[in-house]
PDB file of N, CA and C in Angstrom:
ATOM      1  N   MET A   1       0.767  -1.041   0.003  1.00  0.00           N
ATOM      2  CA  MET A   1       0.308   0.014   0.142  1.00  0.00           C
ATOM      3  C   MET A   1       0.829   1.590  -0.111  1.00  0.00           C
ATOM      4  N   SER A   2       0.404   2.087  -0.819  1.00  0.00           N
ATOM      5  CA  SER A   2       1.614   3.406  -0.907  1.00  0.00           C
ATOM      6  C   SER A   2       0.803   4.732  -0.566  1.00  0.00           C
ATOM      7  N   MET A   3       1.088   4.787   1.031  1.00  0.00           N
ATOM      8  CA  MET A   3      -0.067   5.849   1.328  1.00  0.00           C
ATOM      9  C   MET A   3       0.747   7.496   0.687  1.00  0.00           C
ATOM     10  N   VAL A   4      -0.250   8.131   0.621  1.00  0.00           N
ATOM     11  CA  VAL A   4      -0.429   9.197  -0.066  1.00  0.00           C
ATOM     12  C   VAL A   4       0.509  10.131   1.202  1.00  0.00           C
ATOM     13  N   GLN A   5       1.707  11.139   0.904  1.00  0.00           N
ATOM     14  CA  GLN A   5       2.286  12.142   1.957  1.00  0.00           C
ATOM     15  C   GLN A   5       1.955  13.089   1.276  1.00  0.00           C
ATOM     16  N   PHE A   6       1.577  13.672   2.760  1.00  0.00           N
ATOM     17  CA  PHE A   6       0.804  14.905   3.297  1.00  0.00           C
ATOM     18  C   PHE A   6       1.945  16.116   3.809  1.00  0.00           C
ATOM     19  N   THR A   7       2.373  17.382   3.523  1.00  0.00           N
ATOM     20  CA  THR A   7       3.460  18.395   3.661  1.00  0.00           C
ATOM     21  C   THR A   7       2.084  18.441   5.078  1.00  0.00           C
ATOM     22  N   VAL A   8       3.320  19.436   5.984  1.00  0.00           N
ATOM     23  CA  VAL A   8       2.660  19.876   7.379  1.00  0.00           C
ATOM     24  C   VAL A   8       1.365  20.973   7.073  1.00  0.00           C
ATOM     25  N   GLU A   9       1.873  21.804   6.088  1.00  0.00           N
ATOM     26  CA  GLU A   9       0.805  22.618   5.250  1.00  0.00           C
ATOM     27  C   GLU A   9      -0.713  22.143   4.935  1.00  0.00           C
ATOM     28  N   GLU A  10      -0.596  20.827   4.224  1.00  0.00           N
ATOM     29  CA  GLU A  10      -1.746  20.056   4.227  1.00  0.00           C
ATOM     30  C   GLU A  10      -2.190  19.480   5.438  1.00  0.00           C
ATOM     31  N   THR A  11      -1.449  19.388   6.331  1.00  0.00           N
ATOM     32  CA  THR A  11      -1.731  18.542   7.056  1.00  0.00           C
ATOM     33  C   THR A  11      -2.487  18.909   8.195  1.00  0.00           C
ATOM     34  N   ASN A  12      -2.082  20.349   8.520  1.00  0.00           N
ATOM     35  CA  ASN A  12      -2.925  21.565   9.055  1.00  0.00           C
ATOM     36  C   ASN A  12      -4.113  21.882   8.882  1.00  0.00           C
ATOM     37  N   LEU A  13      -4.308  22.172   7.165  1.00  0.00           N
ATOM     38  CA  LEU A  13      -5.412  22.322   6.439  1.00  0.00           C
ATOM     39  C   LEU A  13      -6.459  21.399   6.991  1.00  0.00           C
ATOM     40  N   LEU A  14      -5.985  19.431   6.681  1.00  0.00           N
ATOM     41  CA  LEU A  14      -6.893  18.887   7.240  1.00  0.00           C
ATOM     42  C   LEU A  14      -7.587  19.105   8.684  1.00  0.00           C
ATOM     43  N   SER A  15      -6.337  19.581   9.569  1.00  0.00           N
ATOM     44  CA  SER A  15      -7.349  19.214  10.754  1.00  0.00           C
ATOM     45  C   SER A  15      -8.532  20.532  10.998  1.00  0.00           C
ATOM     46  N   ILE A  16      -8.060  21.354  10.313  1.00  0.00           N
ATOM     47  CA  ILE A  16      -9.324  22.856  10.785  1.00  0.00           C
ATOM     48  C   ILE A  16     -10.644  22.179   9.881  1.00  0.00           C
ATOM     49  N   TYR A  17     -10.554  21.032   8.545  1.00  0.00           N
ATOM     50  CA  TYR A  17     -12.186  20.589   8.178  1.00  0.00           C
ATOM     51  C   TYR A  17     -12.411  19.585   8.585  1.00  0.00           C
ATOM     52  N   HIS A  18     -11.325  18.322   8.949  1.00  0.00           N
ATOM     53  CA  HIS A  18     -11.326  17.555   9.471  1.00  0.00           C
ATOM     54  C   HIS A  18     -12.529  17.370  10.718  1.00  0.00           C
ATOM     55  N   GLU A  19     -13.901  16.561  10.256  1.00  0.00           N
ATOM     56  CA  GLU A  19     -14.938  15.844  11.209  1.00  0.00           C
ATOM     57  C   GLU A  19     -15.640  15.032  10.469  1.00  0.00           C
ATOM     58  N   GLY A  20     -15.911  14.143  11.299  1.00  0.00           N
ATOM     59  CA  GLY A  20     -16.885  12.951  10.564  1.00  0.00           C
ATOM     60  C   GLY A  20     -15.886  12.224   9.706  1.00  0.00           C
ATOM     61  N   GLY A  21     -15.960  11.680   8.112  1.00  0.00           N
ATOM     62  CA  GLY A  21     -15.163  11.019   7.428  1.00  0.00           C
ATOM     63  C   GLY A  21     -14.420  11.866   6.443  1.00  0.00           C
ATOM     64  N   LYS A  22     -13.902  11.286   5.470  1.00  0.00           N
ATOM     65  CA  LYS A  22     -13.230  11.321   4.561  1.00  0.00           C
ATOM     66  C   LYS A  22     -14.283  12.802   3.433  1.00  0.00           C
ATOM     67  N   ALA A  23     -16.003  11.633   3.436  1.00  0.00           N
ATOM     68  CA  ALA A  23     -16.539  12.932   2.050  1.00  0.00           C
ATOM     69  C   ALA A  23     -17.084  13.930   2.917  1.00  0.00           C
ATOM     70  N   GLN A  24     -16.972  14.000   4.353  1.00  0.00           N
ATOM     71  CA  GLN A  24     -17.351  15.560   5.110  1.00  0.00           C
ATOM     72  C   GLN A  24     -16.044  15.972   4.912  1.00  0.00           C
ATOM     73  N   LEU A  25     -15.124  15.816   5.461  1.00  0.00           N
ATOM     74  CA  LEU A  25     -13.721  16.681   5.207  1.00  0.00           C
ATOM     75  C   LEU A  25     -13.989  17.551   3.952  1.00  0.00           C
ATOM     76  N   MET A  26     -14.266  16.656   2.671  1.00  0.00           N
ATOM     77  CA  MET A  26     -13.818  17.499   1.144  1.00  0.00           C
ATOM     78  C   MET A  26     -15.382  18.214   1.242  1.00  0.00           C
ATOM     79  N   GLU A  27     -16.209  17.569   1.756  1.00  0.00           N
ATOM     80  CA  GLU A  27     -17.477  18.694   1.404  1.00  0.00           C
ATOM     81  C   GLU A  27     -17.046  20.141   2.273  1.00  0.00           C
ATOM     82  N   ASN A  28     -16.702  20.097   3.560  1.00  0.00           N
ATOM     83  CA  ASN A  28     -16.154  21.356   4.259  1.00  0.00           C
ATOM     84  C   ASN A  28     -15.169  21.457   3.350  1.00  0.00           C
ATOM     85  N   MET A  29     -14.094  21.596   3.163  1.00  0.00           N
ATOM     86  CA  MET A  29     -13.357  22.441   2.529  1.00  0.00           C
ATOM     87  C   MET A  29     -13.350  22.453   0.793  1.00  0.00           C
ATOM     88  N   THR A  30     -14.418  21.876   0.562  1.00  0.00           N
ATOM     89  CA  THR A  30     -14.992  22.410  -1.051  1.00  0.00           C
ATOM     90  C   THR A  30     -15.649  23.902  -0.642  1.00  0.00           C
ATOM     91  N   ALA A  31     -16.659  23.504   0.106  1.00  0.00           N
ATOM     92  CA  ALA A  31     -17.316  24.782   0.594  1.00  0.00           C
ATOM     93  C   ALA A  31     -16.937  25.599   1.231  1.00  0.00           C
ATOM     94  N   ALA A  32     -15.658  25.639   1.365  1.00  0.00           N
ATOM     95  CA  ALA A  32     -14.803  26.816   2.010  1.00  0.00           C
ATOM     96  C   ALA A  32     -13.586  27.506   0.636  1.00  0.00           C
ATOM     97  N   LEU A  33     -13.953  26.920  -0.107  1.00  0.00           N
ATOM     98  CA  LEU A  33     -13.156  27.243  -1.672  1.00  0.00           C
ATOM     99  C   LEU A  33     -12.726  29.029  -1.757  1.00  0.00           C
ATOM    100  N   PRO A  34     -14.201  29.051  -1.754  1.00  0.00           N
ATOM    101  CA  PRO A  34     -14.474  30.396  -2.655  1.00  0.00           C
ATOM    102  C   PRO A  34     -14.154  31.737  -1.590  1.00  0.00           C
ATOM    103  N   ASP A  35     -13.882  31.223  -0.046  1.00  0.00           N
ATOM    104  CA  ASP A  35     -13.584  32.366   1.221  1.00  0.00           C
ATOM    105  C   ASP A  35     -12.012  32.584   1.287  1.00  0.00           C
ATOM    106  N   MET A  36     -11.635  31.159   0.474  1.00  0.00           N
ATOM    107  CA  MET A  36      -9.638  31.540   0.768  1.00  0.00           C
ATOM    108  C   MET A  36      -8.935  32.495  -0.484  1.00  0.00           C
ATOM    109  N   ASP A  37      -8.002  33.196  -0.162  1.00  0.00           N
ATOM    110  CA  ASP A  37      -7.486  33.490  -1.273  1.00  0.00           C
ATOM    111  C   ASP A  37      -6.701  32.673  -1.673  1.00  0.00           C
ATOM    112  N   ALA A  38      -6.143  33.170  -2.934  1.00  0.00           N
ATOM    113  CA  ALA A  38      -5.540  32.200  -4.175  1.00  0.00           C
ATOM    114  C   ALA A  38      -4.836  31.403  -3.378  1.00  0.00           C
ATOM    115  N   ASP A  39      -3.827  31.749  -2.846  1.00  0.00           N
ATOM    116  CA  ASP A  39      -2.540  30.366  -2.271  1.00  0.00           C
ATOM    117  C   ASP A  39      -3.407  29.727  -1.046  1.00  0.00           C
ATOM    118  N   MET A  40      -4.068  29.967  -0.689  1.00  0.00           N
ATOM    119  CA  MET A  40      -4.802  28.983   0.206  1.00  0.00           C
ATOM    120  C   MET A  40      -5.423  27.722  -0.570  1.00  0.00           C
ATOM    121  N   ARG A  41      -6.558  28.341  -1.419  1.00  0.00           N
ATOM    122  CA  ARG A  41      -7.406  27.926  -2.168  1.00  0.00           C
ATOM    123  C   ARG A  41      -6.221  26.396  -3.273  1.00  0.00           C
ATOM    124  N   GLU A  42      -5.333  26.927  -3.929  1.00  0.00           N
ATOM    125  CA  GLU A  42      -4.148  26.087  -4.364  1.00  0.00           C
ATOM    126  C   GLU A  42      -3.914  25.308  -3.593  1.00  0.00           C
ATOM    127  N   LEU A  43      -3.621  25.581  -1.909  1.00  0.00           N
ATOM    128  CA  LEU A  43      -3.205  24.233  -1.041  1.00  0.00           C
ATOM    129  C   LEU A  43      -4.113  23.672  -1.102  1.00  0.00           C
ATOM    130  N   ALA A  44      -5.776  24.239  -0.803  1.00  0.00           N
ATOM    131  CA  ALA A  44      -6.480  23.203  -0.450  1.00  0.00           C
ATOM    132  C   ALA A  44      -7.094  22.293  -1.837  1.00  0.00           C
ATOM    133  N   ARG A  45      -6.962  22.700  -3.074  1.00  0.00           N
ATOM    134  CA  ARG A  45      -7.145  21.924  -4.110  1.00  0.00           C
ATOM    135  C   ARG A  45      -6.205  20.828  -4.137  1.00  0.00           C
ATOM    136  N   ARG A  46      -4.792  20.581  -4.026  1.00  0.00           N
ATOM    137  CA  ARG A  46      -3.907  20.144  -4.155  1.00  0.00           C
ATOM    138  C   ARG A  46      -4.223  19.055  -2.856  1.00  0.00           C
ATOM    139  N   THR A  47      -4.270  19.530  -1.455  1.00  0.00           N
ATOM    140  CA  THR A  47      -4.613  18.828  -0.531  1.00  0.00           C
ATOM    141  C   THR A  47      -6.056  17.906  -0.758  1.00  0.00           C
ATOM    142  N   LEU A  48      -7.071  18.654  -1.448  1.00  0.00           N
ATOM    143  CA  LEU A  48      -8.226  17.185  -1.425  1.00  0.00           C
ATOM    144  C   LEU A  48      -8.034  16.778  -2.822  1.00  0.00           C
ATOM    145  N   SER A  49      -6.741  16.993  -3.949  1.00  0.00           N
ATOM    146  CA  SER A  49      -7.114  15.933  -4.783  1.00  0.00           C
ATOM    147  C   SER A  49      -6.292  14.749  -4.218  1.00  0.00           C
ATOM    148  N   LYS A  50      -5.414  15.215  -3.184  1.00  0.00           N
ATOM    149  CA  LYS A  50      -4.577  13.706  -2.078  1.00  0.00           C
ATOM    150  C   LYS A  50      -5.573  13.102  -1.264  1.00  0.00           C
ATOM    151  N   VAL A  51      -6.362  13.756  -0.739  1.00  0.00           N
ATOM    152  CA  VAL A  51      -7.432  12.672   0.190  1.00  0.00           C
ATOM    153  C   VAL A  51      -8.135  12.078  -1.148  1.00  0.00           C
ATOM    154  N   ASP A  52      -8.761  12.914  -2.061  1.00  0.00           N
ATOM    155  CA  ASP A  52      -9.638  12.052  -2.941  1.00  0.00           C
ATOM    156  C   ASP A  52      -8.821  10.481  -3.257  1.00  0.00           C
ATOM    157  N   ALA A  53      -7.917  10.577  -3.826  1.00  0.00           N
ATOM    158  CA  ALA A  53      -7.192   9.365  -4.397  1.00  0.00           C
ATOM    159  C   ALA A  53      -7.132   8.142  -2.835  1.00  0.00           C
ATOM    160  N   LEU A  54      -7.287   8.845  -1.391  1.00  0.00           N
ATOM    161  CA  LEU A  54      -6.927   7.585  -0.347  1.00  0.00           C
ATOM    162  C   LEU A  54      -8.309   6.781  -0.614  1.00  0.00           C
ATOM    163  N   THR A  55      -8.182   5.640   0.022  1.00  0.00           N
ATOM    164  CA  THR A  55      -9.354   5.076  -0.170  1.00  0.00           C
ATOM    165  C   THR A  55     -10.115   5.407   1.393  1.00  0.00           C
ATOM    166  N   ASP A  56     -11.069   5.112   2.078  1.00  0.00           N
ATOM    167  CA  ASP A  56     -11.829   5.415   3.156  1.00  0.00           C
ATOM    168  C   ASP A  56     -10.731   5.033   4.433  1.00  0.00           C
ATOM    169  N   GLU A  57     -10.101   3.339   3.716  1.00  0.00           N
ATOM    170  CA  GLU A  57      -9.930   2.797   5.183  1.00  0.00           C
ATOM    171  C   GLU A  57      -8.053   3.714   5.281  1.00  0.00           C
ATOM    172  N   GLU A  58      -7.834   4.064   3.806  1.00  0.00           N
ATOM    173  CA  GLU A  58      -6.385   4.555   3.944  1.00  0.00           C
ATOM    174  C   GLU A  58      -6.783   6.288   4.859  1.00  0.00           C
ATOM    175  N   TYR A  59      -7.883   7.001   4.536  1.00  0.00           N
ATOM    176  CA  TYR A  59      -8.332   8.035   5.298  1.00  0.00           C
ATOM    177  C   TYR A  59      -8.153   8.109   7.074  1.00  0.00           C
ATOM    178  N   ALA A  60      -9.088   6.892   6.902  1.00  0.00           N
ATOM    179  CA  ALA A  60      -9.043   6.593   8.303  1.00  0.00           C
ATOM    180  C   ALA A  60      -7.940   6.295   9.254  1.00  0.00           C
ATOM    181  N   GLU A  61      -6.607   6.170   8.555  1.00  0.00           N
ATOM    182  CA  GLU A  61      -5.558   6.261   9.323  1.00  0.00           C
ATOM    183  C   GLU A  61      -4.771   7.147   9.661  1.00  0.00           C
ATOM    184  N   LEU A  62      -5.250   7.739   8.732  1.00  0.00           N
ATOM    185  CA  LEU A  62      -4.548   9.421   8.830  1.00  0.00           C
ATOM    186  C   LEU A  62      -4.394   9.605  10.441  1.00  0.00           C
ATOM    187  N   ALA A  63      -3.728  10.463  10.551  1.00  0.00           N
ATOM    188  CA  ALA A  63      -3.101  10.731  11.789  1.00  0.00           C
ATOM    189  C   ALA A  63      -3.772  12.492  11.725  1.00  0.00           C
ATOM    190  N   VAL A  64      -4.849  12.943  11.911  1.00  0.00           N
ATOM    191  CA  VAL A  64      -5.352  14.238  12.009  1.00  0.00           C
ATOM    192  C   VAL A  64      -6.113  14.765  13.247  1.00  0.00           C
ATOM    193  N   TYR A  65      -5.533  15.587  13.713  1.00  0.00           N
ATOM    194  CA  TYR A  65      -6.298  15.642  14.736  1.00  0.00           C
ATOM    195  C   TYR A  65      -6.773  17.356  14.572  1.00  0.00           C
ATOM    196  N   ALA A  66      -7.542  17.781  15.679  1.00  0.00           N
ATOM    197  CA  ALA A  66      -7.867  19.408  15.679  1.00  0.00           C
ATOM    198  C   ALA A  66      -6.561  20.125  15.857  1.00  0.00           C
ATOM    199  N   ALA A  67      -6.587  21.429  14.920  1.00  0.00           N
ATOM    200  CA  ALA A  67      -5.476  22.143  15.525  1.00  0.00           C
ATOM    201  C   ALA A  67      -4.765  22.571  16.577  1.00  0.00           C
ATOM    202  N   ASP A  68      -6.140  22.824  17.379  1.00  0.00           N
ATOM    203  CA  ASP A  68      -5.639  22.830  18.821  1.00  0.00           C
ATOM    204  C   ASP A  68      -5.245  21.668  19.981  1.00  0.00           C
ATOM    205  N   GLU A  69      -5.604  20.059  19.354  1.00  0.00           N
ATOM    206  CA  GLU A  69      -5.053  19.289  20.190  1.00  0.00           C
ATOM    207  C   GLU A  69      -3.783  18.841  19.710  1.00  0.00           C
ATOM    208  N   ALA A  70      -3.023  20.016  18.962  1.00  0.00           N
ATOM    209  CA  ALA A  70      -2.075  18.832  18.259  1.00  0.00           C
ATOM    210  C   ALA A  70      -0.782  19.461  19.653  1.00  0.00           C
TER     211      ALA A  70
END
């Protein structure tokens, strides 16, 4: 199994929108895209494409914590 690697920035972004499962995270982050500046939007799109490539099982194995818990 080749696990997708996330950068620190991508992991931080995941921690912001992480609630529920993979589909919920993708829905939350996609909904926020119009409110992001161009750099943030690029980061979010790259992160979304990586998350999309994961199976639900791989997503469940990601160590994603809320930013204030880290």
